[in-house]
């Protein structure tokens, strides 16, 4: 006598497909280390921003000031990349008045007056290298804050310039945009000279 088996039970009795292996779990971060890391990330005290620093008060002929310095807000701090530096936003530079004592050459107090000192109200991170720093052989790569040699003939517009391969011991010089020799001044024997283009001695007799 045959016994009917429910479909639900048959599916359990039949061959079961192999399940995918469970993904490996990364070990949890050390809570103490994680807490300290978050504290470091949240610490913005060294970021680029106006901060009070002692600034020397500009001198004038035959007159000196007391005090000689004043605490003024100037841009300072760190940026996220070594090619950037902290500078003031031009439209947010103002002049503040500082009360000082004018002193003559004999050390006599002349009068009390005010001097103007530049104050920075807003800062930004800006490229250290500017477009004006590039020469005629280079163009300015604003995304990477640097001057790079212009593309060679046949390069596609907008493509990344390829650095030419120089034969050893020559190296590619980004400033002159050509292969150069590491040595530029080498003493030579009589009748020869050192070629910085070829990195070797050349006899003058061949010219």
Foldseek 3Di string as FASTA:
>chain_A
DDDDDDPVVVVVVDDDDDDDDDDDDDPDDDPVVVVVVVVVVPDCVQPWWWDWDWDAADDDPQKAKPPRTDTATATGGDDPDPQKGKHADVVQKDWDWDWIFIAGPVRDTDGIDIDIDIHGHTMDIAGPADQVNADPQWGADRVVSDTAGDADPPDDPPDDHDQDDDDPPWDQDRRVRATFAPDDDDDDDPQWDADRNVRDIDGPVVD
